[in-house]
Amino acid sequence: MKTDKTIIFDFDGTIASTLVTLAEIYNRIAPKFRCEQVKIEDAEKLRSKRPQEFMRDYGVSTVKLPFLVLKARSELYKQINDIKPQTGICSALKQIDDMGYVLGILTSNSKKNTHSFLLKNDLSDVFDFVYTGTHVFSKHRKIKHILKEKQIQKNTVIYVGDETRDIEAAKKVDIPIIAVSWGFNKKKTLQNQNPEFIVDEPNELVNIIKEINK
């Protein structure tokens, strides 16, 4: 039986291990948009950067960004069957679902890619809704839209994400966030943004959610 508690998850990096594939896709399409490619030796350093810093360093303007995102989505769909879940996340999600929470996804990836991944990994029945959007830095507006449309009270929702922009979005909407360190940004980079909680493994995520809602 579902409770009135809702957990909204980011998708790329948090649930799906898409980061290496997306980096490869970015390098393939970057020249078409006159953006700098990522050097292999610099790849790990990117995890210490905020998205705004990446855009500045690699010549991705706010004008180019939506077109890059759309092209990357299209390219990712061709490889979606090769994308794996983050280690341990499927079990954690099913445990949280069994606890009665309403689970949703908010992602800048496409609904087509997200649903294909969920279906392949037996997660379709775990999630109650999926919201998508191409505007990378407007997640707070999407969160507000979800809360309004689903009639969710702020004191009944938690956001889970792997990037500094997820933390920034949650803070703008004034809802708690659990930051996960296995995705795009390193733990130290996430800590600098002062999330309410930070976890290193999916089983810790389950335990924190239990503690929050005792």
N, C-alpha and C. Protein backbone atom coordinates (compact mmCIF):
# COMPACT_ATOMS: atom_id res chain seq x y z
N MET A 1 0.85 -1.20 0.00
CA MET A 1 0.00 0.00 0.00
C MET A 1 0.88 1.25 0.00
N LYS A 2 0.56 2.20 -0.89
CA LYS A 2 1.36 3.41 -1.02
C LYS A 2 1.09 4.38 0.13
N THR A 3 2.16 5.07 0.56
CA THR A 3 2.03 6.11 1.56
C THR A 3 1.87 7.46 0.84
N ASP A 4 1.88 8.55 1.60
CA ASP A 4 1.85 9.88 0.98
C ASP A 4 3.26 10.42 0.80
N LYS A 5 4.28 9.58 0.98
CA LYS A 5 5.67 9.99 0.84
C LYS A 5 6.15 9.73 -0.59
N THR A 6 6.85 10.72 -1.17
CA THR A 6 7.33 10.61 -2.55
C THR A 6 8.85 10.78 -2.60
N ILE A 7 9.51 9.93 -3.38
CA ILE A 7 10.95 10.05 -3.64
C ILE A 7 11.12 10.31 -5.13
N ILE A 8 11.73 11.44 -5.49
CA ILE A 8 11.99 11.76 -6.89
C ILE A 8 13.47 11.52 -7.17
N PHE A 9 13.74 10.71 -8.18
CA PHE A 9 15.12 10.34 -8.53
C PHE A 9 15.57 11.01 -9.83
N ASP A 10 16.82 11.45 -9.82
CA ASP A 10 17.51 11.74 -11.08
C ASP A 10 17.77 10.41 -11.76
N PHE A 11 18.04 10.41 -13.06
CA PHE A 11 18.21 9.16 -13.81
C PHE A 11 19.67 8.89 -14.17
N ASP A 12 20.26 9.73 -15.03
CA ASP A 12 21.63 9.50 -15.49
C ASP A 12 22.62 9.65 -14.34
N GLY A 13 23.41 8.61 -14.10
CA GLY A 13 24.41 8.66 -13.03
C GLY A 13 23.88 8.18 -11.70
N THR A 14 22.62 8.45 -11.42
CA THR A 14 22.02 8.03 -10.16
C THR A 14 21.48 6.61 -10.26
N ILE A 15 20.69 6.35 -11.32
CA ILE A 15 20.12 5.02 -11.56
C ILE A 15 20.87 4.30 -12.67
N ALA A 16 21.03 4.96 -13.79
CA ALA A 16 21.68 4.36 -14.96
C ALA A 16 23.14 4.78 -15.04
N SER A 17 24.01 3.82 -15.32
CA SER A 17 25.43 4.10 -15.45
C SER A 17 25.74 4.57 -16.88
N THR A 18 25.34 5.80 -17.16
CA THR A 18 25.44 6.32 -18.53
C THR A 18 26.64 7.24 -18.75
N LEU A 19 27.40 7.52 -17.71
CA LEU A 19 28.39 8.59 -17.80
C LEU A 19 29.48 8.33 -18.84
N VAL A 20 30.02 7.12 -18.87
CA VAL A 20 31.07 6.81 -19.84
C VAL A 20 30.51 6.87 -21.26
N THR A 21 29.32 6.29 -21.45
CA THR A 21 28.70 6.29 -22.77
C THR A 21 28.38 7.72 -23.22
N LEU A 22 27.86 8.54 -22.32
CA LEU A 22 27.54 9.92 -22.68
C LEU A 22 28.80 10.72 -23.00
N ALA A 23 29.90 10.42 -22.30
CA ALA A 23 31.16 11.10 -22.59
C ALA A 23 31.65 10.72 -23.99
N GLU A 24 31.50 9.45 -24.34
CA GLU A 24 31.89 9.00 -25.69
C GLU A 24 31.02 9.65 -26.76
N ILE A 25 29.72 9.73 -26.48
CA ILE A 25 28.79 10.37 -27.41
C ILE A 25 29.13 11.85 -27.55
N TYR A 26 29.40 12.49 -26.41
CA TYR A 26 29.76 13.92 -26.45
C TYR A 26 30.97 14.14 -27.34
N ASN A 27 32.00 13.30 -27.21
CA ASN A 27 33.19 13.47 -28.02
C ASN A 27 32.93 13.27 -29.51
N ARG A 28 31.96 12.41 -29.84
CA ARG A 28 31.62 12.20 -31.24
C ARG A 28 30.90 13.41 -31.84
N ILE A 29 30.03 14.02 -31.03
CA ILE A 29 29.21 15.10 -31.59
C ILE A 29 29.77 16.50 -31.33
N ALA A 30 30.72 16.61 -30.40
CA ALA A 30 31.26 17.93 -30.05
C ALA A 30 31.79 18.72 -31.25
N PRO A 31 32.55 18.10 -32.17
CA PRO A 31 33.06 18.88 -33.31
C PRO A 31 31.97 19.50 -34.16
N LYS A 32 30.82 18.84 -34.26
CA LYS A 32 29.71 19.38 -35.05
C LYS A 32 29.17 20.67 -34.45
N PHE A 33 29.35 20.83 -33.15
CA PHE A 33 28.86 22.02 -32.47
C PHE A 33 30.00 22.99 -32.12
N ARG A 34 31.19 22.68 -32.65
CA ARG A 34 32.38 23.49 -32.40
C ARG A 34 32.67 23.62 -30.90
N CYS A 35 32.57 22.48 -30.24
CA CYS A 35 32.90 22.40 -28.82
C CYS A 35 34.17 21.57 -28.65
N GLU A 36 34.87 21.77 -27.55
CA GLU A 36 36.08 21.01 -27.27
C GLU A 36 35.74 19.59 -26.85
N GLN A 37 36.54 18.62 -27.29
CA GLN A 37 36.35 17.24 -26.87
C GLN A 37 37.02 17.01 -25.52
N VAL A 38 36.57 15.96 -24.83
CA VAL A 38 37.15 15.61 -23.53
C VAL A 38 38.32 14.66 -23.75
N LYS A 39 39.47 15.02 -23.24
CA LYS A 39 40.63 14.13 -23.34
C LYS A 39 40.51 13.03 -22.29
N ILE A 40 40.97 11.83 -22.66
CA ILE A 40 40.88 10.69 -21.75
C ILE A 40 41.52 11.00 -20.40
N GLU A 41 42.65 11.67 -20.44
CA GLU A 41 43.38 11.95 -19.19
C GLU A 41 42.65 12.97 -18.31
N ASP A 42 41.70 13.70 -18.90
CA ASP A 42 40.95 14.70 -18.13
C ASP A 42 39.61 14.19 -17.64
N ALA A 43 39.24 12.98 -18.05
CA ALA A 43 37.89 12.47 -17.77
C ALA A 43 37.57 12.44 -16.28
N GLU A 44 38.49 11.95 -15.46
CA GLU A 44 38.24 11.85 -14.02
C GLU A 44 38.14 13.23 -13.36
N LYS A 45 38.89 14.20 -13.91
CA LYS A 45 38.84 15.56 -13.35
C LYS A 45 37.47 16.18 -13.51
N LEU A 46 36.73 15.74 -14.51
CA LEU A 46 35.40 16.29 -14.75
C LEU A 46 34.47 16.06 -13.57
N ARG A 47 34.70 15.01 -12.80
CA ARG A 47 33.83 14.69 -11.68
C ARG A 47 33.96 15.72 -10.54
N SER A 48 34.98 16.56 -10.63
CA SER A 48 35.15 17.62 -9.63
C SER A 48 34.58 18.95 -10.12
N LYS A 49 34.06 18.97 -11.34
CA LYS A 49 33.54 20.20 -11.92
C LYS A 49 32.03 20.28 -11.81
N ARG A 50 31.53 21.47 -11.61
CA ARG A 50 30.09 21.72 -11.73
C ARG A 50 29.78 21.80 -13.23
N PRO A 51 28.54 21.51 -13.64
CA PRO A 51 28.20 21.57 -15.07
C PRO A 51 28.52 22.92 -15.71
N GLN A 52 28.34 24.00 -14.95
CA GLN A 52 28.63 25.34 -15.48
C GLN A 52 30.12 25.47 -15.83
N GLU A 53 30.98 24.84 -15.02
CA GLU A 53 32.42 24.89 -15.28
C GLU A 53 32.77 24.07 -16.51
N PHE A 54 32.11 22.92 -16.66
CA PHE A 54 32.34 22.10 -17.86
C PHE A 54 31.98 22.89 -19.11
N MET A 55 30.83 23.54 -19.09
CA MET A 55 30.38 24.31 -20.26
C MET A 55 31.39 25.41 -20.60
N ARG A 56 31.87 26.09 -19.59
CA ARG A 56 32.85 27.17 -19.80
C ARG A 56 34.15 26.62 -20.39
N ASP A 57 34.64 25.53 -19.83
CA ASP A 57 35.94 24.99 -20.24
C ASP A 57 35.92 24.33 -21.61
N TYR A 58 34.74 23.82 -22.03
CA TYR A 58 34.68 23.08 -23.29
C TYR A 58 33.88 23.80 -24.38
N GLY A 59 33.59 25.07 -24.15
CA GLY A 59 32.96 25.88 -25.19
C GLY A 59 31.52 25.54 -25.49
N VAL A 60 30.80 25.03 -24.47
CA VAL A 60 29.38 24.71 -24.65
C VAL A 60 28.56 25.91 -24.18
N SER A 61 28.08 26.70 -25.10
CA SER A 61 27.29 27.87 -24.74
C SER A 61 25.86 27.48 -24.38
N THR A 62 25.15 28.38 -23.74
CA THR A 62 23.76 28.11 -23.40
C THR A 62 22.90 27.98 -24.65
N VAL A 63 23.34 28.57 -25.75
CA VAL A 63 22.62 28.43 -27.02
C VAL A 63 22.81 27.03 -27.59
N LYS A 64 24.04 26.52 -27.51
CA LYS A 64 24.35 25.19 -28.06
C LYS A 64 23.79 24.05 -27.21
N LEU A 65 23.70 24.29 -25.90
CA LEU A 65 23.38 23.22 -24.96
C LEU A 65 22.12 22.42 -25.29
N PRO A 66 20.97 23.06 -25.55
CA PRO A 66 19.76 22.26 -25.83
C PRO A 66 19.91 21.36 -27.06
N PHE A 67 20.64 21.84 -28.07
CA PHE A 67 20.83 21.05 -29.28
C PHE A 67 21.78 19.88 -29.02
N LEU A 68 22.79 20.12 -28.19
CA LEU A 68 23.69 19.04 -27.79
C LEU A 68 22.93 17.96 -27.03
N VAL A 69 22.07 18.39 -26.11
CA VAL A 69 21.29 17.44 -25.31
C VAL A 69 20.38 16.60 -26.19
N LEU A 70 19.69 17.23 -27.12
CA LEU A 70 18.79 16.50 -28.02
C LEU A 70 19.55 15.50 -28.88
N LYS A 71 20.70 15.90 -29.40
CA LYS A 71 21.51 14.99 -30.22
C LYS A 71 22.05 13.84 -29.38
N ALA A 72 22.49 14.15 -28.17
CA ALA A 72 23.02 13.10 -27.30
C ALA A 72 21.94 12.10 -26.93
N ARG A 73 20.72 12.58 -26.66
CA ARG A 73 19.59 11.68 -26.38
C ARG A 73 19.37 10.70 -27.52
N SER A 74 19.38 11.26 -28.74
CA SER A 74 19.14 10.43 -29.93
C SER A 74 20.22 9.36 -30.09
N GLU A 75 21.47 9.76 -29.88
CA GLU A 75 22.58 8.82 -30.00
C GLU A 75 22.53 7.77 -28.89
N LEU A 76 22.14 8.20 -27.69
CA LEU A 76 22.08 7.27 -26.56
C LEU A 76 21.05 6.17 -26.80
N TYR A 77 19.95 6.51 -27.45
CA TYR A 77 18.90 5.52 -27.69
C TYR A 77 19.45 4.33 -28.50
N LYS A 78 20.40 4.60 -29.38
CA LYS A 78 21.00 3.53 -30.20
C LYS A 78 21.80 2.56 -29.34
N GLN A 79 22.21 3.00 -28.15
CA GLN A 79 23.04 2.17 -27.27
C GLN A 79 22.36 1.84 -25.96
N ILE A 80 21.08 2.15 -25.84
CA ILE A 80 20.41 2.05 -24.55
C ILE A 80 20.40 0.62 -24.01
N ASN A 81 20.39 -0.37 -24.88
CA ASN A 81 20.39 -1.76 -24.41
C ASN A 81 21.72 -2.17 -23.79
N ASP A 82 22.75 -1.35 -24.02
CA ASP A 82 24.07 -1.65 -23.45
C ASP A 82 24.30 -0.95 -22.10
N ILE A 83 23.39 -0.07 -21.74
CA ILE A 83 23.54 0.69 -20.50
C ILE A 83 23.16 -0.17 -19.30
N LYS A 84 24.01 -0.18 -18.30
CA LYS A 84 23.78 -0.98 -17.10
C LYS A 84 23.28 -0.09 -15.95
N PRO A 85 22.55 -0.67 -15.01
CA PRO A 85 22.19 0.09 -13.81
C PRO A 85 23.42 0.26 -12.93
N GLN A 86 23.42 1.28 -12.11
CA GLN A 86 24.49 1.41 -11.12
C GLN A 86 24.42 0.21 -10.17
N THR A 87 25.57 -0.27 -9.76
CA THR A 87 25.65 -1.47 -8.93
C THR A 87 24.80 -1.33 -7.66
N GLY A 88 23.88 -2.25 -7.48
CA GLY A 88 23.06 -2.28 -6.27
C GLY A 88 21.82 -1.41 -6.30
N ILE A 89 21.66 -0.57 -7.33
CA ILE A 89 20.54 0.38 -7.32
C ILE A 89 19.20 -0.30 -7.56
N CYS A 90 19.15 -1.34 -8.37
CA CYS A 90 17.88 -2.01 -8.65
C CYS A 90 17.28 -2.61 -7.38
N SER A 91 18.11 -3.28 -6.61
CA SER A 91 17.66 -3.86 -5.35
C SER A 91 17.18 -2.78 -4.40
N ALA A 92 17.93 -1.67 -4.32
CA ALA A 92 17.56 -0.57 -3.43
C ALA A 92 16.22 0.03 -3.83
N LEU A 93 16.02 0.23 -5.13
CA LEU A 93 14.77 0.82 -5.61
C LEU A 93 13.58 -0.08 -5.29
N LYS A 94 13.77 -1.36 -5.46
CA LYS A 94 12.67 -2.30 -5.18
C LYS A 94 12.36 -2.34 -3.68
N GLN A 95 13.39 -2.22 -2.85
CA GLN A 95 13.16 -2.17 -1.39
C GLN A 95 12.37 -0.92 -1.01
N ILE A 96 12.74 0.21 -1.60
CA ILE A 96 12.06 1.47 -1.31
C ILE A 96 10.61 1.41 -1.79
N ASP A 97 10.41 0.82 -2.95
CA ASP A 97 9.06 0.64 -3.48
C ASP A 97 8.23 -0.26 -2.56
N ASP A 98 8.85 -1.33 -2.07
CA ASP A 98 8.16 -2.25 -1.16
C ASP A 98 7.79 -1.59 0.16
N MET A 99 8.51 -0.54 0.52
CA MET A 99 8.22 0.20 1.74
C MET A 99 7.00 1.11 1.58
N GLY A 100 6.49 1.19 0.36
CA GLY A 100 5.25 1.94 0.12
C GLY A 100 5.40 3.34 -0.41
N TYR A 101 6.64 3.75 -0.75
CA TYR A 101 6.84 5.10 -1.26
C TYR A 101 6.37 5.23 -2.71
N VAL A 102 5.93 6.43 -3.06
CA VAL A 102 5.66 6.77 -4.45
C VAL A 102 6.99 7.19 -5.06
N LEU A 103 7.41 6.51 -6.13
CA LEU A 103 8.71 6.80 -6.74
C LEU A 103 8.53 7.43 -8.12
N GLY A 104 9.32 8.46 -8.37
CA GLY A 104 9.28 9.12 -9.66
C GLY A 104 10.67 9.42 -10.17
N ILE A 105 10.75 9.77 -11.45
CA ILE A 105 12.02 10.14 -12.07
C ILE A 105 11.88 11.52 -12.70
N LEU A 106 12.90 12.36 -12.51
CA LEU A 106 13.02 13.64 -13.21
C LEU A 106 14.37 13.65 -13.89
N THR A 107 14.37 13.76 -15.23
CA THR A 107 15.62 13.63 -15.98
C THR A 107 15.65 14.54 -17.19
N SER A 108 16.86 14.94 -17.59
CA SER A 108 17.03 15.67 -18.84
C SER A 108 17.24 14.70 -19.99
N ASN A 109 17.23 13.40 -19.70
CA ASN A 109 17.24 12.39 -20.75
C ASN A 109 15.83 12.31 -21.34
N SER A 110 15.64 11.52 -22.36
CA SER A 110 14.33 11.43 -22.99
C SER A 110 13.47 10.37 -22.31
N LYS A 111 12.16 10.53 -22.45
CA LYS A 111 11.23 9.55 -21.89
C LYS A 111 11.43 8.20 -22.57
N LYS A 112 11.72 8.24 -23.88
CA LYS A 112 11.93 7.01 -24.65
C LYS A 112 13.12 6.23 -24.10
N ASN A 113 14.23 6.92 -23.88
CA ASN A 113 15.42 6.26 -23.33
C ASN A 113 15.16 5.73 -21.93
N THR A 114 14.52 6.54 -21.11
CA THR A 114 14.27 6.16 -19.72
C THR A 114 13.37 4.95 -19.63
N HIS A 115 12.27 4.96 -20.37
CA HIS A 115 11.33 3.83 -20.32
C HIS A 115 11.97 2.56 -20.88
N SER A 116 12.79 2.69 -21.92
CA SER A 116 13.48 1.51 -22.48
C SER A 116 14.40 0.89 -21.45
N PHE A 117 15.13 1.73 -20.73
CA PHE A 117 16.04 1.25 -19.68
C PHE A 117 15.26 0.58 -18.56
N LEU A 118 14.18 1.21 -18.10
CA LEU A 118 13.39 0.66 -17.00
C LEU A 118 12.79 -0.68 -17.38
N LEU A 119 12.29 -0.79 -18.60
CA LEU A 119 11.70 -2.04 -19.07
C LEU A 119 12.74 -3.15 -19.12
N LYS A 120 13.91 -2.84 -19.65
CA LYS A 120 14.98 -3.84 -19.78
C LYS A 120 15.46 -4.34 -18.42
N ASN A 121 15.40 -3.47 -17.42
CA ASN A 121 15.93 -3.83 -16.10
C ASN A 121 14.85 -4.13 -15.07
N ASP A 122 13.65 -4.43 -15.56
CA ASP A 122 12.55 -4.86 -14.69
C ASP A 122 12.24 -3.82 -13.62
N LEU A 123 12.25 -2.53 -14.02
CA LEU A 123 11.99 -1.45 -13.08
C LEU A 123 10.74 -0.64 -13.44
N SER A 124 10.06 -1.04 -14.51
CA SER A 124 8.90 -0.26 -14.97
C SER A 124 7.82 -0.14 -13.91
N ASP A 125 7.60 -1.22 -13.15
CA ASP A 125 6.54 -1.21 -12.15
C ASP A 125 6.94 -0.52 -10.86
N VAL A 126 8.22 -0.19 -10.74
CA VAL A 126 8.71 0.45 -9.52
C VAL A 126 8.34 1.94 -9.50
N PHE A 127 8.36 2.56 -10.68
CA PHE A 127 8.16 4.01 -10.76
C PHE A 127 6.73 4.37 -11.13
N ASP A 128 6.22 5.37 -10.44
CA ASP A 128 4.85 5.84 -10.66
C ASP A 128 4.77 6.93 -11.72
N PHE A 129 5.88 7.65 -11.94
CA PHE A 129 5.88 8.68 -12.98
C PHE A 129 7.29 8.97 -13.45
N VAL A 130 7.39 9.48 -14.69
CA VAL A 130 8.66 9.91 -15.28
C VAL A 130 8.44 11.26 -15.94
N TYR A 131 9.22 12.26 -15.53
CA TYR A 131 9.16 13.59 -16.14
C TYR A 131 10.51 13.88 -16.80
N THR A 132 10.46 14.47 -17.99
CA THR A 132 11.69 14.77 -18.72
C THR A 132 11.71 16.23 -19.15
N GLY A 133 12.88 16.67 -19.60
CA GLY A 133 13.02 18.04 -20.09
C GLY A 133 14.39 18.24 -20.68
N THR A 134 14.53 19.17 -21.62
CA THR A 134 15.83 19.40 -22.27
C THR A 134 16.62 20.50 -21.58
N HIS A 135 15.98 21.29 -20.72
CA HIS A 135 16.68 22.41 -20.08
C HIS A 135 17.43 21.91 -18.84
N VAL A 136 18.74 21.78 -19.00
CA VAL A 136 19.59 21.18 -17.98
C VAL A 136 19.54 21.93 -16.65
N PHE A 137 19.41 23.26 -16.71
CA PHE A 137 19.49 24.05 -15.48
C PHE A 137 18.12 24.56 -15.00
N SER A 138 17.06 23.89 -15.38
CA SER A 138 15.74 24.32 -14.91
C SER A 138 15.03 23.21 -14.14
N LYS A 139 15.81 22.35 -13.50
CA LYS A 139 15.20 21.24 -12.76
C LYS A 139 14.30 21.74 -11.63
N HIS A 140 14.64 22.87 -11.05
CA HIS A 140 13.80 23.38 -9.96
C HIS A 140 12.39 23.72 -10.45
N ARG A 141 12.30 24.22 -11.70
CA ARG A 141 10.98 24.52 -12.26
C ARG A 141 10.20 23.23 -12.50
N LYS A 142 10.90 22.20 -12.96
CA LYS A 142 10.25 20.90 -13.18
C LYS A 142 9.78 20.29 -11.87
N ILE A 143 10.60 20.44 -10.83
CA ILE A 143 10.21 19.91 -9.52
C ILE A 143 8.94 20.61 -9.04
N LYS A 144 8.91 21.93 -9.18
CA LYS A 144 7.72 22.69 -8.80
C LYS A 144 6.50 22.21 -9.58
N HIS A 145 6.70 21.96 -10.87
CA HIS A 145 5.60 21.48 -11.72
C HIS A 145 5.09 20.13 -11.24
N ILE A 146 6.01 19.23 -10.90
CA ILE A 146 5.63 17.90 -10.41
C ILE A 146 4.84 18.01 -9.11
N LEU A 147 5.35 18.82 -8.19
CA LEU A 147 4.69 18.98 -6.90
C LEU A 147 3.26 19.51 -7.07
N LYS A 148 3.12 20.47 -7.99
CA LYS A 148 1.80 21.05 -8.22
C LYS A 148 0.87 20.06 -8.91
N GLU A 149 1.36 19.43 -9.98
CA GLU A 149 0.52 18.51 -10.75
C GLU A 149 0.13 17.28 -9.96
N LYS A 150 1.06 16.76 -9.17
CA LYS A 150 0.80 15.55 -8.38
C LYS A 150 0.23 15.86 -6.99
N GLN A 151 0.09 17.17 -6.72
CA GLN A 151 -0.43 17.62 -5.41
C GLN A 151 0.39 17.02 -4.26
N ILE A 152 1.71 17.17 -4.39
CA ILE A 152 2.65 16.66 -3.39
C ILE A 152 3.07 17.80 -2.47
N GLN A 153 2.97 17.59 -1.18
CA GLN A 153 3.41 18.58 -0.20
C GLN A 153 4.93 18.49 -0.02
N LYS A 154 5.58 19.65 0.15
CA LYS A 154 7.04 19.68 0.27
C LYS A 154 7.56 18.83 1.43
N ASN A 155 6.78 18.75 2.49
CA ASN A 155 7.24 17.99 3.66
C ASN A 155 7.06 16.49 3.51
N THR A 156 6.61 16.06 2.31
CA THR A 156 6.44 14.62 2.07
C THR A 156 7.31 14.12 0.93
N VAL A 157 8.25 14.95 0.46
CA VAL A 157 9.05 14.57 -0.71
C VAL A 157 10.54 14.68 -0.43
N ILE A 158 11.30 13.77 -1.04
CA ILE A 158 12.77 13.78 -0.99
C ILE A 158 13.27 13.66 -2.43
N TYR A 159 14.33 14.38 -2.74
CA TYR A 159 14.94 14.29 -4.07
C TYR A 159 16.27 13.55 -3.95
N VAL A 160 16.60 12.74 -4.95
CA VAL A 160 17.85 11.97 -4.96
C VAL A 160 18.59 12.24 -6.26
N GLY A 161 19.84 12.71 -6.18
CA GLY A 161 20.59 13.01 -7.40
C GLY A 161 22.09 12.90 -7.19
N ASP A 162 22.82 12.98 -8.31
CA ASP A 162 24.27 12.74 -8.28
C ASP A 162 25.11 13.95 -8.69
N GLU A 163 24.46 15.10 -8.91
CA GLU A 163 25.19 16.27 -9.40
C GLU A 163 24.92 17.50 -8.54
N THR A 164 25.83 18.46 -8.66
CA THR A 164 25.64 19.72 -7.94
C THR A 164 24.36 20.42 -8.39
N ARG A 165 24.00 20.29 -9.66
CA ARG A 165 22.78 20.97 -10.13
C ARG A 165 21.53 20.34 -9.52
N ASP A 166 21.60 19.07 -9.13
CA ASP A 166 20.47 18.45 -8.43
C ASP A 166 20.31 19.07 -7.05
N ILE A 167 21.44 19.29 -6.38
CA ILE A 167 21.40 19.91 -5.06
C ILE A 167 20.88 21.34 -5.16
N GLU A 168 21.37 22.07 -6.15
CA GLU A 168 20.94 23.45 -6.36
C GLU A 168 19.44 23.51 -6.61
N ALA A 169 18.92 22.59 -7.43
CA ALA A 169 17.49 22.57 -7.76
C ALA A 169 16.65 22.30 -6.52
N ALA A 170 17.07 21.31 -5.73
CA ALA A 170 16.32 20.96 -4.52
C ALA A 170 16.29 22.12 -3.53
N LYS A 171 17.41 22.81 -3.40
CA LYS A 171 17.47 23.94 -2.47
C LYS A 171 16.59 25.10 -2.93
N LYS A 172 16.51 25.31 -4.24
CA LYS A 172 15.65 26.38 -4.75
C LYS A 172 14.18 26.11 -4.46
N VAL A 173 13.82 24.83 -4.43
CA VAL A 173 12.43 24.46 -4.18
C VAL A 173 12.19 24.24 -2.68
N ASP A 174 13.28 24.18 -1.92
CA ASP A 174 13.21 23.98 -0.47
C ASP A 174 12.70 22.59 -0.09
N ILE A 175 13.29 21.59 -0.74
CA ILE A 175 13.01 20.21 -0.35
C ILE A 175 14.34 19.51 -0.06
N PRO A 176 14.36 18.51 0.82
CA PRO A 176 15.61 17.82 1.15
C PRO A 176 16.13 16.97 0.00
N ILE A 177 17.44 16.87 -0.08
CA ILE A 177 18.06 16.04 -1.12
C ILE A 177 19.04 15.06 -0.51
N ILE A 178 19.04 13.86 -1.06
CA ILE A 178 20.08 12.87 -0.76
C ILE A 178 20.99 12.84 -1.97
N ALA A 179 22.23 13.26 -1.81
CA ALA A 179 23.21 13.23 -2.90
C ALA A 179 23.93 11.88 -2.89
N VAL A 180 24.12 11.30 -4.06
CA VAL A 180 24.81 10.00 -4.17
C VAL A 180 26.17 10.22 -4.83
N SER A 181 27.19 9.58 -4.28
CA SER A 181 28.56 9.85 -4.73
C SER A 181 29.04 8.92 -5.83
N TRP A 182 28.15 8.04 -6.32
CA TRP A 182 28.59 7.09 -7.36
C TRP A 182 28.32 7.59 -8.77
N GLY A 183 27.84 8.81 -8.92
CA GLY A 183 27.47 9.33 -10.24
C GLY A 183 28.48 10.31 -10.81
N PHE A 184 27.97 11.41 -11.36
CA PHE A 184 28.82 12.35 -12.09
C PHE A 184 29.81 13.07 -11.18
N ASN A 185 29.33 13.67 -10.10
CA ASN A 185 30.22 14.46 -9.25
C ASN A 185 30.79 13.66 -8.09
N LYS A 186 32.04 13.97 -7.77
CA LYS A 186 32.71 13.34 -6.64
C LYS A 186 32.08 13.78 -5.32
N LYS A 187 32.33 12.99 -4.28
CA LYS A 187 31.76 13.26 -2.98
C LYS A 187 32.13 14.64 -2.46
N LYS A 188 33.41 15.02 -2.59
CA LYS A 188 33.86 16.32 -2.10
C LYS A 188 33.14 17.45 -2.81
N THR A 189 32.96 17.32 -4.10
CA THR A 189 32.27 18.35 -4.88
C THR A 189 30.82 18.48 -4.44
N LEU A 190 30.18 17.34 -4.16
CA LEU A 190 28.81 17.35 -3.67
C LEU A 190 28.74 17.97 -2.28
N GLN A 191 29.68 17.61 -1.41
CA GLN A 191 29.69 18.13 -0.04
C GLN A 191 29.80 19.64 -0.01
N ASN A 192 30.52 20.20 -0.98
CA ASN A 192 30.69 21.65 -1.04
C ASN A 192 29.37 22.39 -1.25
N GLN A 193 28.36 21.66 -1.76
CA GLN A 193 27.04 22.27 -1.99
C GLN A 193 26.08 22.04 -0.81
N ASN A 194 26.58 21.39 0.24
CA ASN A 194 25.83 21.19 1.49
C ASN A 194 24.47 20.51 1.32
N PRO A 195 24.46 19.30 0.74
CA PRO A 195 23.19 18.56 0.70
C PRO A 195 22.82 18.10 2.10
N GLU A 196 21.54 17.83 2.32
CA GLU A 196 21.12 17.36 3.65
C GLU A 196 21.74 16.01 3.99
N PHE A 197 21.87 15.15 2.96
CA PHE A 197 22.43 13.82 3.16
C PHE A 197 23.32 13.48 1.96
N ILE A 198 24.31 12.62 2.21
CA ILE A 198 25.13 12.11 1.11
C ILE A 198 25.44 10.65 1.39
N VAL A 199 25.33 9.80 0.35
CA VAL A 199 25.54 8.36 0.52
C VAL A 199 26.53 7.85 -0.53
N ASP A 200 27.21 6.78 -0.17
CA ASP A 200 28.21 6.19 -1.05
C ASP A 200 27.74 4.89 -1.71
N GLU A 201 26.70 4.28 -1.17
CA GLU A 201 26.20 3.01 -1.71
C GLU A 201 24.67 3.00 -1.65
N PRO A 202 24.04 2.29 -2.60
CA PRO A 202 22.58 2.24 -2.62
C PRO A 202 21.93 1.72 -1.34
N ASN A 203 22.59 0.78 -0.62
CA ASN A 203 21.97 0.29 0.61
C ASN A 203 21.92 1.37 1.68
N GLU A 204 22.88 2.33 1.63
CA GLU A 204 22.84 3.47 2.54
C GLU A 204 21.64 4.35 2.24
N LEU A 205 21.30 4.43 0.96
CA LEU A 205 20.14 5.21 0.53
C LEU A 205 18.87 4.66 1.17
N VAL A 206 18.72 3.36 1.15
CA VAL A 206 17.56 2.70 1.76
C VAL A 206 17.50 3.02 3.25
N ASN A 207 18.65 2.91 3.92
CA ASN A 207 18.68 3.14 5.36
C ASN A 207 18.35 4.58 5.74
N ILE A 208 18.85 5.53 4.96
CA ILE A 208 18.57 6.94 5.25
C ILE A 208 17.09 7.26 5.06
N ILE A 209 16.50 6.72 4.00
CA ILE A 209 15.08 6.95 3.76
C ILE A 209 14.24 6.37 4.89
N LYS A 210 14.65 5.22 5.39
CA LYS A 210 13.95 4.64 6.55
C LYS A 210 14.04 5.56 7.75
N GLU A 211 15.24 6.10 8.00
CA GLU A 211 15.45 6.95 9.17
C GLU A 211 14.69 8.28 9.06
N ILE A 212 14.69 8.86 7.86
CA ILE A 212 14.02 10.14 7.65
C ILE A 212 12.54 10.05 7.97
N ASN A 213 11.95 8.92 7.61
CA ASN A 213 10.50 8.81 7.70
C ASN A 213 10.02 7.91 8.85
N LYS A 214 10.82 7.81 9.91
CA LYS A 214 10.41 7.05 11.09
C LYS A 214 9.24 7.76 11.78
